[in-house]
């Protein structure tokens, strides 16, 4: 029941993270900003609209948003949050979750290519390139956590990470945390890798792939992106805020505070940093791979 409540809260509160990021950016810009609940209003508005499909598209274009959202919801079922353990956990489920993230990206790219638009094909190409560099950093980071905890499931890994772990393998966990933060920003199309608010044709990555989607399909994409933000945020917060007291209120409160802090941190990063040039993004991702690799070497020695 405890895990079920937290999974439901994840589905309910995921869009709120986007609202916190937006308000943080507005604060730094000296503006009032959109309401915290604006992402919910946008989803409701899109769900009430109709969808328009080009005659050049096939079932692949329509399946992309549905498959992506379904994969994200399935991945959410395996994520331990606030000290809770997923009842679906099994040895190796971390690879399964990584595969679901890849499945979402694969169908999003396919849907973009199905339009026959060279513009969307350009964005799909960039997405594939950067994800090919982000995935090794993620998998190597998970390997470090698995080695340190002695577990192969996400629930086991999170239960194995505690405050005392930072006293034993602190440098390794710092390296993994830095790598996962880069992966978090990359996978969620945030600055300094991508700008979710940009409309400059030469710099768009994720947004250009979903230009032809509208109505409920676009709502599925936005909600799936919010769930993805929650999933990767859960992994990072579980590592940085290892509160495992057994008390649901304390553990849940610490997790909620960590997610709020991560959202504010993301807004601060986007407000104080410029977006990297596209040719510099691979350097950042290779750096994340190097951090995870170094952490793995240290934990194996």
Protein backbone atom coordinates (compact mmCIF):
# COMPACT_ATOMS: atom_id res chain seq x y z
CA UNK A 1 0.00 0.00 0.00
CA UNK A 2 2.83 2.33 0.92
CA UNK A 3 4.53 1.84 -2.45
CA UNK A 4 1.19 2.16 -4.24
CA UNK A 5 0.54 5.53 -2.62
CA UNK A 6 3.97 6.80 -3.58
CA UNK A 7 3.62 5.56 -7.16
CA UNK A 8 0.25 7.33 -7.38
CA UNK A 9 1.82 10.49 -5.99
CA UNK A 10 4.52 10.21 -8.64
CA UNK A 11 1.89 10.10 -11.37
CA UNK A 12 0.07 13.02 -9.78
CA UNK A 13 2.98 15.27 -8.83
CA UNK A 14 5.36 14.75 -11.78
CA UNK A 15 4.02 17.77 -13.74
CA UNK A 16 4.43 19.90 -10.62
CA UNK A 17 8.22 19.57 -10.94
CA UNK A 18 8.00 21.39 -14.26
CA UNK A 19 6.00 24.15 -12.58
CA UNK A 20 8.67 24.54 -9.87
CA UNK A 21 11.42 24.76 -12.49
CA UNK A 22 9.49 27.40 -14.42
CA UNK A 23 8.81 29.49 -11.31
CA UNK A 24 12.47 29.30 -10.28
CA UNK A 25 13.55 30.56 -13.70
CA UNK A 26 10.96 33.34 -13.49
CA UNK A 27 12.32 34.38 -10.08
CA UNK A 28 15.84 34.75 -11.47
CA UNK A 29 14.46 36.72 -14.42
CA UNK A 30 12.58 39.09 -12.10
CA UNK A 31 9.17 37.98 -13.33
CA UNK A 32 6.12 36.60 -11.57
CA UNK A 33 6.00 33.60 -13.86
CA UNK A 34 3.29 31.11 -14.71
CA UNK A 35 1.29 29.43 -11.91
CA UNK A 36 2.78 26.33 -10.36
CA UNK A 37 -0.15 24.34 -11.72
CA UNK A 38 0.28 25.61 -15.29
CA UNK A 39 1.52 22.20 -16.56
CA UNK A 40 -1.77 20.66 -15.39
CA UNK A 41 -3.75 23.36 -17.18
CA UNK A 42 -1.78 22.73 -20.36
CA UNK A 43 -2.41 18.98 -20.18
CA UNK A 44 -6.12 19.48 -19.60
CA UNK A 45 -6.33 21.93 -22.51
CA UNK A 46 -4.52 19.57 -24.87
CA UNK A 47 -6.65 16.59 -23.86
CA UNK A 48 -9.75 18.57 -24.78
CA UNK A 49 -8.51 19.27 -28.30
CA UNK A 50 -8.60 17.11 -31.41
CA UNK A 51 -5.60 15.68 -33.21
CA UNK A 52 -4.63 16.41 -36.81
CA UNK A 53 -2.58 13.86 -38.76
CA UNK A 54 -0.69 14.38 -41.97
CA UNK A 55 -1.51 12.07 -44.88
CA UNK A 56 2.17 11.18 -45.09
CA UNK A 57 2.25 9.61 -41.60
CA UNK A 58 1.41 6.02 -40.67
CA UNK A 59 0.44 4.18 -37.51
CA UNK A 60 4.00 4.67 -36.25
CA UNK A 61 3.36 8.40 -35.78
CA UNK A 62 0.24 7.74 -33.70
CA UNK A 63 1.87 4.94 -31.71
CA UNK A 64 4.88 7.03 -30.66
CA UNK A 65 3.22 9.09 -27.87
CA UNK A 66 1.17 6.13 -26.59
CA UNK A 67 4.11 3.73 -26.41
CA UNK A 68 6.30 6.40 -24.85
CA UNK A 69 3.81 7.18 -22.08
CA UNK A 70 3.11 3.49 -21.43
CA UNK A 71 6.84 2.77 -21.11
CA UNK A 72 7.33 5.63 -18.66
CA UNK A 73 4.43 4.51 -16.49
CA UNK A 74 5.83 0.97 -16.49
CA UNK A 75 9.27 2.27 -15.51
CA UNK A 76 7.67 4.25 -12.68
CA UNK A 77 6.36 0.98 -11.26
CA UNK A 78 9.94 -0.17 -10.57
CA UNK A 79 11.18 3.03 -8.96
CA UNK A 80 11.63 2.95 -5.17
CA UNK A 81 10.82 6.30 -3.58
CA UNK A 82 10.98 7.51 -0.01
CA UNK A 83 12.29 4.23 1.36
CA UNK A 84 9.54 2.17 -0.26
CA UNK A 85 10.36 -1.04 -2.15
CA UNK A 86 8.69 -1.82 -5.44
CA UNK A 87 6.69 -5.09 -5.32
CA UNK A 88 7.71 -5.71 -8.94
CA UNK A 89 11.44 -5.55 -8.20
CA UNK A 90 13.65 -8.31 -9.59
CA UNK A 91 17.37 -8.81 -10.08
CA UNK A 92 18.41 -6.76 -13.08
CA UNK A 93 15.35 -4.52 -13.19
CA UNK A 94 17.66 -1.51 -13.46
CA UNK A 95 18.55 -2.68 -16.96
CA UNK A 96 14.85 -3.15 -17.69
CA UNK A 97 14.12 0.43 -16.65
CA UNK A 98 17.01 1.69 -18.78
CA UNK A 99 15.56 -0.31 -21.66
CA UNK A 100 12.16 1.33 -21.16
CA UNK A 101 13.81 4.75 -21.34
CA UNK A 102 15.45 3.65 -24.58
CA UNK A 103 12.14 2.31 -25.91
CA UNK A 104 10.49 5.69 -25.34
CA UNK A 105 13.27 7.46 -27.17
CA UNK A 106 13.20 4.91 -30.00
CA UNK A 107 9.50 5.40 -30.70
CA UNK A 108 9.78 9.17 -30.38
CA UNK A 109 12.53 9.16 -33.00
CA UNK A 110 10.53 6.81 -35.23
CA UNK A 111 7.47 9.06 -35.00
CA UNK A 112 9.60 12.07 -35.95
CA UNK A 113 11.08 10.26 -38.94
CA UNK A 114 7.64 9.01 -40.00
CA UNK A 115 6.57 12.56 -40.82
CA UNK A 116 9.08 12.71 -43.66
CA UNK A 117 10.26 16.12 -42.44
CA UNK A 118 13.97 16.86 -42.83
CA UNK A 119 13.67 19.28 -39.89
CA UNK A 120 12.37 16.60 -37.53
CA UNK A 121 14.91 14.16 -38.92
CA UNK A 122 17.63 16.61 -37.90
CA UNK A 123 16.32 16.68 -34.34
CA UNK A 124 16.00 12.89 -34.28
CA UNK A 125 19.61 12.56 -35.38
CA UNK A 126 20.80 14.82 -32.59
CA UNK A 127 18.66 13.00 -30.04
CA UNK A 128 20.12 9.64 -31.10
CA UNK A 129 23.68 10.95 -30.94
CA UNK A 130 23.40 12.45 -27.48
CA UNK A 131 21.44 9.52 -26.03
CA UNK A 132 24.13 7.13 -27.29
CA UNK A 133 26.57 9.02 -25.05
CA UNK A 134 24.22 9.47 -22.09
CA UNK A 135 23.29 5.79 -21.80
CA UNK A 136 26.84 4.53 -21.03
CA UNK A 137 27.16 7.12 -18.27
CA UNK A 138 23.85 5.96 -16.78
CA UNK A 139 24.64 2.25 -17.02
CA UNK A 140 28.14 2.65 -15.60
CA UNK A 141 26.73 4.72 -12.74
CA UNK A 142 24.18 2.01 -12.00
CA UNK A 143 26.99 -0.56 -12.08
CA UNK A 144 28.81 1.41 -9.39
CA UNK A 145 25.72 1.51 -7.19
CA UNK A 146 25.09 -2.20 -7.76
CA UNK A 147 28.66 -3.06 -6.78
CA UNK A 148 28.55 -0.88 -3.68
CA UNK A 149 25.19 -2.21 -2.46
CA UNK A 150 25.63 -5.80 -3.62
CA UNK A 151 22.17 -5.70 -5.23
CA UNK A 152 20.98 -5.90 -8.84
CA UNK A 153 17.54 -4.35 -8.43
CA UNK A 154 16.79 -0.65 -8.07
CA UNK A 155 14.93 -1.24 -4.81
CA UNK A 156 17.87 -3.21 -3.42
CA UNK A 157 20.34 -0.60 -4.59
CA UNK A 158 18.42 2.26 -2.95
CA UNK A 159 18.02 0.28 0.26
CA UNK A 160 21.76 -0.42 0.21
CA UNK A 161 22.67 3.27 -0.05
CA UNK A 162 22.65 4.94 3.36
CA UNK A 163 24.30 7.84 5.14
CA UNK A 164 27.05 5.48 6.28
CA UNK A 165 27.74 4.59 2.65
CA UNK A 166 28.85 8.16 2.04
CA UNK A 167 31.41 7.77 4.81
CA UNK A 168 32.83 4.63 3.21
CA UNK A 169 32.67 5.33 -0.54
CA UNK A 170 31.96 9.05 -0.55
CA UNK A 171 34.27 9.99 -3.46
CA UNK A 172 32.77 7.28 -5.66
CA UNK A 173 29.22 8.41 -4.87
CA UNK A 174 30.13 12.03 -5.58
CA UNK A 175 31.44 11.04 -9.02
CA UNK A 176 28.31 8.98 -9.75
CA UNK A 177 26.04 11.80 -8.55
CA UNK A 178 27.75 14.28 -10.89
CA UNK A 179 27.43 11.86 -13.81
CA UNK A 180 23.76 11.18 -13.07
CA UNK A 181 23.05 14.92 -12.84
CA UNK A 182 24.44 15.36 -16.35
CA UNK A 183 22.35 12.41 -17.54
CA UNK A 184 19.30 13.91 -15.79
CA UNK A 185 19.70 17.22 -17.62
CA UNK A 186 20.42 15.54 -20.95
CA UNK A 187 17.59 13.01 -20.89
CA UNK A 188 15.09 15.68 -19.89
CA UNK A 189 16.25 18.16 -22.56
CA UNK A 190 17.34 20.81 -20.08
CA UNK A 191 20.06 23.46 -20.24
CA UNK A 192 23.03 23.27 -20.81
CA UNK A 193 22.27 20.44 -23.28
CA UNK A 194 18.93 21.55 -24.67
CA UNK A 195 16.42 24.33 -24.06
CA UNK A 196 12.79 23.18 -23.82
CA UNK A 197 11.61 26.71 -24.57
CA UNK A 198 13.70 27.39 -27.64
CA UNK A 199 12.25 27.90 -31.11
CA UNK A 200 15.53 28.44 -32.95
CA UNK A 201 15.64 25.96 -35.79
CA UNK A 202 19.39 25.38 -35.68
CA UNK A 203 19.49 24.56 -31.96
CA UNK A 204 16.30 22.59 -31.30
CA UNK A 205 16.73 18.92 -30.34
CA UNK A 206 13.84 17.32 -28.47
CA UNK A 207 11.22 19.94 -29.25
CA UNK A 208 11.73 19.66 -32.99
CA UNK A 209 10.83 15.96 -32.91
CA UNK A 210 7.34 16.62 -31.57
CA UNK A 211 6.38 19.63 -33.67
CA UNK A 212 3.76 17.72 -35.69
CA UNK A 213 2.04 16.26 -32.61
CA UNK A 214 -1.01 18.01 -31.21
CA UNK A 215 -4.00 17.55 -28.97
CA UNK A 216 -4.05 14.38 -26.84
CA UNK A 217 -0.91 13.03 -28.54
CA UNK A 218 1.09 16.05 -27.46
CA UNK A 219 -0.43 15.78 -23.97
CA UNK A 220 0.84 12.18 -23.77
CA UNK A 221 4.31 13.39 -24.77
CA UNK A 222 4.35 16.18 -22.19
CA UNK A 223 3.07 13.92 -19.43
CA UNK A 224 5.52 11.18 -20.37
CA UNK A 225 8.33 13.74 -20.20
CA UNK A 226 7.18 14.77 -16.72
CA UNK A 227 7.16 11.13 -15.60
CA UNK A 228 10.66 10.71 -17.03
CA UNK A 229 11.78 13.75 -15.05
CA UNK A 230 10.33 12.16 -11.92
CA UNK A 231 11.97 8.77 -12.60
CA UNK A 232 15.50 10.09 -13.12
CA UNK A 233 14.99 12.56 -10.29
CA UNK A 234 13.98 9.69 -8.00
CA UNK A 235 17.23 7.90 -8.80
CA UNK A 236 19.33 10.99 -8.11
CA UNK A 237 17.46 12.00 -4.94
CA UNK A 238 17.62 8.43 -3.62
CA UNK A 239 21.39 8.64 -3.92
CA UNK A 240 21.85 12.14 -2.52
CA UNK A 241 19.20 11.94 0.23
CA UNK A 242 19.58 8.39 1.61
CA UNK A 243 17.04 8.67 4.44
CA UNK A 244 15.91 5.13 5.35
CA UNK A 245 14.41 5.32 8.86
CA UNK A 246 11.47 3.00 8.26
CA UNK A 247 9.08 5.81 9.18
CA UNK A 248 6.93 6.55 6.13
CA UNK A 249 6.40 10.20 7.06
CA UNK A 250 10.08 10.95 7.64
CA UNK A 251 11.29 9.02 4.59
CA UNK A 252 8.56 10.43 2.38
CA UNK A 253 9.15 13.97 3.62
CA UNK A 254 12.89 13.70 2.97
CA UNK A 255 12.21 12.38 -0.52
CA UNK A 256 9.71 15.14 -1.28
CA UNK A 257 12.17 17.76 -0.04
CA UNK A 258 14.89 16.24 -2.20
CA UNK A 259 12.69 16.32 -5.32
CA UNK A 260 11.77 19.94 -4.61
CA UNK A 261 15.42 20.84 -4.14
CA UNK A 262 16.34 19.07 -7.39
CA UNK A 263 13.66 21.01 -9.28
CA UNK A 264 14.89 24.31 -7.84
CA UNK A 265 18.49 23.34 -8.65
CA UNK A 266 17.49 22.62 -12.24
CA UNK A 267 15.86 26.03 -12.46
CA UNK A 268 18.98 27.67 -11.01
CA UNK A 269 21.21 25.87 -13.52
CA UNK A 270 19.01 27.00 -16.40
CA UNK A 271 19.01 30.57 -15.08
CA UNK A 272 22.75 30.90 -14.50
CA UNK A 273 24.22 28.89 -17.36
CA UNK A 274 24.16 29.37 -21.09
CA UNK A 275 23.30 26.54 -23.40
CA UNK A 276 26.35 24.76 -24.77
CA UNK A 277 27.14 24.82 -28.45
CA UNK A 278 26.01 21.59 -30.08
CA UNK A 279 29.59 20.56 -30.80
CA UNK A 280 30.38 20.90 -27.08
CA UNK A 281 27.54 18.70 -25.82
CA UNK A 282 29.35 15.42 -26.67
CA UNK A 283 32.31 16.66 -24.61
CA UNK A 284 30.03 17.09 -21.59
CA UNK A 285 28.55 13.61 -22.03
CA UNK A 286 31.97 12.02 -22.49
CA UNK A 287 32.91 13.74 -19.25
CA UNK A 288 29.93 12.06 -17.57
CA UNK A 289 31.11 8.70 -18.92
CA UNK A 290 34.58 9.40 -17.54
CA UNK A 291 33.15 10.23 -14.10
CA UNK A 292 31.15 7.00 -13.98
CA UNK A 293 34.12 4.98 -15.24
CA UNK A 294 36.43 6.46 -12.63
CA UNK A 295 33.87 5.74 -9.91
CA UNK A 296 33.61 2.12 -11.11
CA UNK A 297 37.40 1.72 -11.07
CA UNK A 298 37.57 3.09 -7.53
CA UNK A 299 34.77 0.88 -6.23
CA UNK A 300 36.32 -2.22 -7.82
CA UNK A 301 39.84 -1.70 -6.47
